[in-house]
Amino acid sequence: MWIKDKPEGKRQAGQSEGSEMENLESTAPREGNEEINAFVGKGVSFKGVISYNGTVRIDGNLDGEIHTEGVLLVGEDAVLTAKITAGTVVCKGKITGDISAREKVKLRAPAVVNAGVKAPLLAMEEGVVFNGTLEMSQTGTREPQGTSRGQGVKLVNS
């Protein structure tokens, strides 16, 4: 992303060891060759409001608010205390606060989420710790499909 010509065997800035980056990115919806627009690295603390379009990955600490119609990738080392409004949220880290997603929320182990979640779709892997509330809202393009509770929740056994 920041290095145009990288020497063989070197990683780009913001790319972590192993396949953590690939795992998080592979769960995010992709349109064409969409790239991560910004990266808050491990060890970085941020306090305030972030507003953006596109995809942002956070591996550091954030205290505040996040507003986007795009994708938020929360890395395994991330600690967020925030009110999050996004198109899609993919989390492997820790979130405390409220999450409102227009499209979906994906919680991947070892995520710890202490939050009120509002989203039409929720996917949660085995090993995720979720303490909070869940409201499954319908998007404008989806038709209601019955009245059963937990509709749209997808639990994934890895």
C-alpha atoms as a PDB file:
ATOM      1  CA  MET A   1       0.000   0.000   0.000  1.00  0.00           C
ATOM      2  CA  TRP A   2       2.757   2.519   0.895  1.00  0.00           C
ATOM      3  CA  ILE A   3       5.709   0.836  -0.823  1.00  0.00           C
ATOM      4  CA  LYS A   4       5.462   0.672  -4.602  1.00  0.00           C
ATOM      5  CA  ASP A   5       8.479  -1.520  -5.295  1.00  0.00           C
ATOM      6  CA  LYS A   6       9.014  -3.930  -2.420  1.00  0.00           C
ATOM      7  CA  PRO A   7      12.122  -6.119  -2.412  1.00  0.00           C
ATOM      8  CA  GLU A   8      11.605  -9.892  -2.415  1.00  0.00           C
ATOM      9  CA  GLY A   9      10.931 -11.266   1.056  1.00  0.00           C
ATOM     10  CA  LYS A  10       9.921  -7.910   2.593  1.00  0.00           C
ATOM     11  CA  ARG A  11       6.414  -7.044   3.759  1.00  0.00           C
ATOM     12  CA  GLN A  12       4.490  -3.919   2.920  1.00  0.00           C
ATOM     13  CA  ALA A  13       3.929  -1.396   5.709  1.00  0.00           C
ATOM     14  CA  GLY A  14       0.979  -2.463   7.838  1.00  0.00           C
ATOM     15  CA  GLN A  15       1.128  -6.112   6.830  1.00  0.00           C
ATOM     16  CA  SER A  16       1.362  -8.496   9.770  1.00  0.00           C
ATOM     17  CA  GLU A  17       3.068 -11.850  10.132  1.00  0.00           C
ATOM     18  CA  GLY A  18       1.199 -14.930   8.937  1.00  0.00           C
ATOM     19  CA  SER A  19      -2.177 -14.700   7.347  1.00  0.00           C
ATOM     20  CA  GLU A  20      -4.049 -12.488   9.838  1.00  0.00           C
ATOM     21  CA  MET A  21      -4.261  -9.618   7.333  1.00  0.00           C
ATOM     22  CA  GLU A  22      -5.368 -11.987   4.577  1.00  0.00           C
ATOM     23  CA  ASN A  23      -7.939 -13.601   6.895  1.00  0.00           C
ATOM     24  CA  LEU A  24      -9.492 -10.262   7.834  1.00  0.00           C
ATOM     25  CA  GLU A  25      -9.391  -8.896   4.299  1.00  0.00           C
ATOM     26  CA  SER A  26     -10.840 -12.078   2.810  1.00  0.00           C
ATOM     27  CA  THR A  27     -13.960 -11.658   4.957  1.00  0.00           C
ATOM     28  CA  ALA A  28     -14.586  -8.117   3.785  1.00  0.00           C
ATOM     29  CA  PRO A  29     -16.743  -7.529   0.727  1.00  0.00           C
ATOM     30  CA  ARG A  30     -14.605  -6.543  -2.232  1.00  0.00           C
ATOM     31  CA  GLU A  31     -15.516  -4.419  -5.206  1.00  0.00           C
ATOM     32  CA  GLY A  32     -12.887  -4.590  -7.881  1.00  0.00           C
ATOM     33  CA  ASN A  33      -9.414  -4.022  -6.429  1.00  0.00           C
ATOM     34  CA  GLU A  34     -10.485  -2.155  -3.299  1.00  0.00           C
ATOM     35  CA  GLU A  35      -7.570  -1.604  -0.916  1.00  0.00           C
ATOM     36  CA  ILE A  36      -7.283  -0.615   2.714  1.00  0.00           C
ATOM     37  CA  ASN A  37      -7.460   3.197   2.777  1.00  0.00           C
ATOM     38  CA  ALA A  38      -5.932   3.663   6.236  1.00  0.00           C
ATOM     39  CA  PHE A  39      -4.254   1.598   8.920  1.00  0.00           C
ATOM     40  CA  VAL A  40      -3.971   2.229  12.670  1.00  0.00           C
ATOM     41  CA  GLY A  41      -1.110  -0.035  13.709  1.00  0.00           C
ATOM     42  CA  LYS A  42      -0.449  -2.042  16.852  1.00  0.00           C
ATOM     43  CA  GLY A  43       0.779   0.220  19.642  1.00  0.00           C
ATOM     44  CA  VAL A  44      -0.961   3.307  18.224  1.00  0.00           C
ATOM     45  CA  SER A  45      -3.625   4.998  20.380  1.00  0.00           C
ATOM     46  CA  PHE A  46      -6.228   7.284  18.864  1.00  0.00           C
ATOM     47  CA  LYS A  47      -8.900   9.324  20.603  1.00  0.00           C
ATOM     48  CA  GLY A  48     -11.592  11.073  18.579  1.00  0.00           C
ATOM     49  CA  VAL A  49     -13.882  10.616  15.598  1.00  0.00           C
ATOM     50  CA  ILE A  50     -12.924   8.798  12.398  1.00  0.00           C
ATOM     51  CA  SER A  51     -15.074   9.292   9.272  1.00  0.00           C
ATOM     52  CA  TYR A  52     -14.103   7.661   5.990  1.00  0.00           C
ATOM     53  CA  ASN A  53     -15.152   5.904   2.807  1.00  0.00           C
ATOM     54  CA  GLY A  54     -13.652   2.591   1.768  1.00  0.00           C
ATOM     55  CA  THR A  55     -11.836   0.185   4.087  1.00  0.00           C
ATOM     56  CA  VAL A  56      -9.901   0.917   7.282  1.00  0.00           C
ATOM     57  CA  ARG A  57      -8.030  -1.583   9.439  1.00  0.00           C
ATOM     58  CA  ILE A  58      -7.367  -0.928  13.127  1.00  0.00           C
ATOM     59  CA  ASP A  59      -4.829  -2.922  15.143  1.00  0.00           C
ATOM     60  CA  GLY A  60      -4.235  -0.302  17.843  1.00  0.00           C
ATOM     61  CA  ASN A  61      -6.388   1.369  20.495  1.00  0.00           C
ATOM     62  CA  LEU A  62      -9.266   3.680  19.656  1.00  0.00           C
ATOM     63  CA  ASP A  63     -11.523   5.632  21.995  1.00  0.00           C
ATOM     64  CA  GLY A  64     -14.280   7.579  20.252  1.00  0.00           C
ATOM     65  CA  GLU A  65     -16.489   7.128  17.206  1.00  0.00           C
ATOM     66  CA  ILE A  66     -16.196   5.562  13.759  1.00  0.00           C
ATOM     67  CA  HIS A  67     -18.533   6.561  10.921  1.00  0.00           C
ATOM     68  CA  THR A  68     -18.408   4.951   7.483  1.00  0.00           C
ATOM     69  CA  GLU A  69     -20.511   3.390   4.769  1.00  0.00           C
ATOM     70  CA  GLY A  70     -17.518   1.174   4.033  1.00  0.00           C
ATOM     71  CA  VAL A  71     -15.707  -1.637   5.836  1.00  0.00           C
ATOM     72  CA  LEU A  72     -14.082  -1.615   9.272  1.00  0.00           C
ATOM     73  CA  LEU A  73     -11.493  -4.338   9.919  1.00  0.00           C
ATOM     74  CA  VAL A  74     -10.615  -4.780  13.597  1.00  0.00           C
ATOM     75  CA  GLY A  75      -7.396  -6.759  14.069  1.00  0.00           C
ATOM     76  CA  GLU A  76      -6.686  -9.252  16.833  1.00  0.00           C
ATOM     77  CA  ASP A  77      -4.604  -6.772  18.864  1.00  0.00           C
ATOM     78  CA  ALA A  78      -7.122  -3.912  18.556  1.00  0.00           C
ATOM     79  CA  VAL A  79      -8.997  -2.491  21.547  1.00  0.00           C
ATOM     80  CA  LEU A  80     -11.883  -0.198  20.604  1.00  0.00           C
ATOM     81  CA  THR A  81     -14.103   1.694  23.002  1.00  0.00           C
ATOM     82  CA  ALA A  82     -16.344   3.279  20.450  1.00  0.00           C
ATOM     83  CA  LYS A  83     -19.675   3.985  18.878  1.00  0.00           C
ATOM     84  CA  ILE A  84     -19.370   2.372  15.447  1.00  0.00           C
ATOM     85  CA  THR A  85     -21.590   3.044  12.446  1.00  0.00           C
ATOM     86  CA  ALA A  86     -20.432   1.168   9.345  1.00  0.00           C
ATOM     87  CA  GLY A  87     -21.467  -0.742   6.257  1.00  0.00           C
ATOM     88  CA  THR A  88     -19.648  -3.911   7.376  1.00  0.00           C
ATOM     89  CA  VAL A  89     -17.649  -4.665  10.530  1.00  0.00           C
ATOM     90  CA  VAL A  90     -15.196  -7.589  10.687  1.00  0.00           C
ATOM     91  CA  CYS A  91     -13.738  -8.060  14.166  1.00  0.00           C
ATOM     92  CA  LYS A  92     -11.015 -10.268  15.652  1.00  0.00           C
ATOM     93  CA  GLY A  93     -10.161  -7.843  18.471  1.00  0.00           C
ATOM     94  CA  LYS A  94     -11.990  -6.258  21.402  1.00  0.00           C
ATOM     95  CA  ILE A  95     -14.889  -3.824  21.004  1.00  0.00           C
ATOM     96  CA  THR A  96     -16.770  -2.121  23.828  1.00  0.00           C
ATOM     97  CA  GLY A  97     -19.613   0.208  22.847  1.00  0.00           C
ATOM     98  CA  ASP A  98     -22.332   0.179  20.190  1.00  0.00           C
ATOM     99  CA  ILE A  99     -22.098  -1.264  16.687  1.00  0.00           C
ATOM    100  CA  SER A 100     -24.568  -0.385  13.957  1.00  0.00           C
ATOM    101  CA  ALA A 101     -23.902  -2.023  10.584  1.00  0.00           C
ATOM    102  CA  ARG A 102     -25.928  -1.418   7.444  1.00  0.00           C
ATOM    103  CA  GLU A 103     -24.873  -4.735   5.856  1.00  0.00           C
ATOM    104  CA  LYS A 104     -23.312  -7.182   8.352  1.00  0.00           C
ATOM    105  CA  VAL A 105     -21.113  -7.843  11.349  1.00  0.00           C
ATOM    106  CA  LYS A 106     -18.606 -10.714  11.319  1.00  0.00           C
ATOM    107  CA  LEU A 107     -17.075 -11.743  14.639  1.00  0.00           C
ATOM    108  CA  ARG A 108     -14.035 -13.967  14.230  1.00  0.00           C
ATOM    109  CA  ALA A 109     -12.226 -15.765  17.055  1.00  0.00           C
ATOM    110  CA  PRO A 110     -10.725 -14.598  19.371  1.00  0.00           C
ATOM    111  CA  ALA A 111     -12.958 -11.464  19.320  1.00  0.00           C
ATOM    112  CA  VAL A 112     -14.392 -10.108  22.575  1.00  0.00           C
ATOM    113  CA  VAL A 113     -17.410  -7.882  22.031  1.00  0.00           C
ATOM    114  CA  ASN A 114     -19.203  -6.061  24.848  1.00  0.00           C
ATOM    115  CA  ALA A 115     -21.659  -4.063  22.793  1.00  0.00           C
ATOM    116  CA  GLY A 116     -25.117  -3.455  21.556  1.00  0.00           C
ATOM    117  CA  VAL A 117     -25.151  -4.699  17.954  1.00  0.00           C
ATOM    118  CA  LYS A 118     -27.666  -3.658  15.321  1.00  0.00           C
ATOM    119  CA  ALA A 119     -27.280  -5.330  11.917  1.00  0.00           C
ATOM    120  CA  PRO A 120     -29.341  -7.318   9.407  1.00  0.00           C
ATOM    121  CA  LEU A 121     -26.735 -10.141   9.392  1.00  0.00           C
ATOM    122  CA  LEU A 122     -24.396 -11.463  12.097  1.00  0.00           C
ATOM    123  CA  ALA A 123     -21.780 -14.180  11.631  1.00  0.00           C
ATOM    124  CA  MET A 124     -19.997 -15.422  14.748  1.00  0.00           C
ATOM    125  CA  GLU A 125     -17.257 -18.048  14.934  1.00  0.00           C
ATOM    126  CA  GLU A 126     -16.804 -20.494  17.762  1.00  0.00           C
ATOM    127  CA  GLY A 127     -14.461 -18.979  20.351  1.00  0.00           C
ATOM    128  CA  VAL A 128     -15.909 -15.449  20.165  1.00  0.00           C
ATOM    129  CA  VAL A 129     -17.031 -13.891  23.455  1.00  0.00           C
ATOM    130  CA  PHE A 130     -20.187 -11.799  22.943  1.00  0.00           C
ATOM    131  CA  ASN A 131     -21.820  -9.935  25.844  1.00  0.00           C
ATOM    132  CA  GLY A 132     -24.482  -7.484  24.820  1.00  0.00           C
ATOM    133  CA  THR A 133     -27.659  -7.024  22.882  1.00  0.00           C
ATOM    134  CA  LEU A 134     -28.505  -7.879  19.306  1.00  0.00           C
ATOM    135  CA  GLU A 135     -31.098  -6.236  17.093  1.00  0.00           C
ATOM    136  CA  MET A 136     -31.579  -7.821  13.691  1.00  0.00           C
ATOM    137  CA  SER A 137     -32.841  -4.964  11.541  1.00  0.00           C
ATOM    138  CA  GLN A 138     -34.046  -5.481   8.011  1.00  0.00           C
ATOM    139  CA  THR A 139     -32.377  -3.495   5.228  1.00  0.00           C
ATOM    140  CA  GLY A 140     -34.450  -1.633   2.688  1.00  0.00           C
ATOM    141  CA  THR A 141     -33.737  -4.217  -0.029  1.00  0.00           C
ATOM    142  CA  ARG A 142     -34.580  -7.326   1.993  1.00  0.00           C
ATOM    143  CA  GLU A 143     -38.084  -8.663   2.503  1.00  0.00           C
ATOM    144  CA  PRO A 144     -39.039  -9.833   6.014  1.00  0.00           C
ATOM    145  CA  GLN A 145     -38.804 -13.622   6.104  1.00  0.00           C
ATOM    146  CA  GLY A 146     -40.966 -14.671   9.018  1.00  0.00           C
ATOM    147  CA  THR A 147     -40.952 -13.869  12.681  1.00  0.00           C
ATOM    148  CA  SER A 148     -38.495 -16.346  14.189  1.00  0.00           C
ATOM    149  CA  ARG A 149     -35.950 -14.928  16.638  1.00  0.00           C
ATOM    150  CA  GLY A 150     -32.308 -15.115  15.655  1.00  0.00           C
ATOM    151  CA  GLN A 151     -33.179 -14.966  11.983  1.00  0.00           C
ATOM    152  CA  GLY A 152     -30.118 -13.922   9.989  1.00  0.00           C
ATOM    153  CA  VAL A 153     -27.688 -15.099  12.672  1.00  0.00           C
ATOM    154  CA  LYS A 154     -25.035 -17.425  11.320  1.00  0.00           C
ATOM    155  CA  LEU A 155     -22.912 -19.360  13.792  1.00  0.00           C
ATOM    156  CA  VAL A 156     -19.809 -20.823  12.207  1.00  0.00           C
ATOM    157  CA  ASN A 157     -18.102 -23.844  13.783  1.00  0.00           C
ATOM    158  CA  SER A 158     -14.420 -23.749  12.824  1.00  0.00           C
END
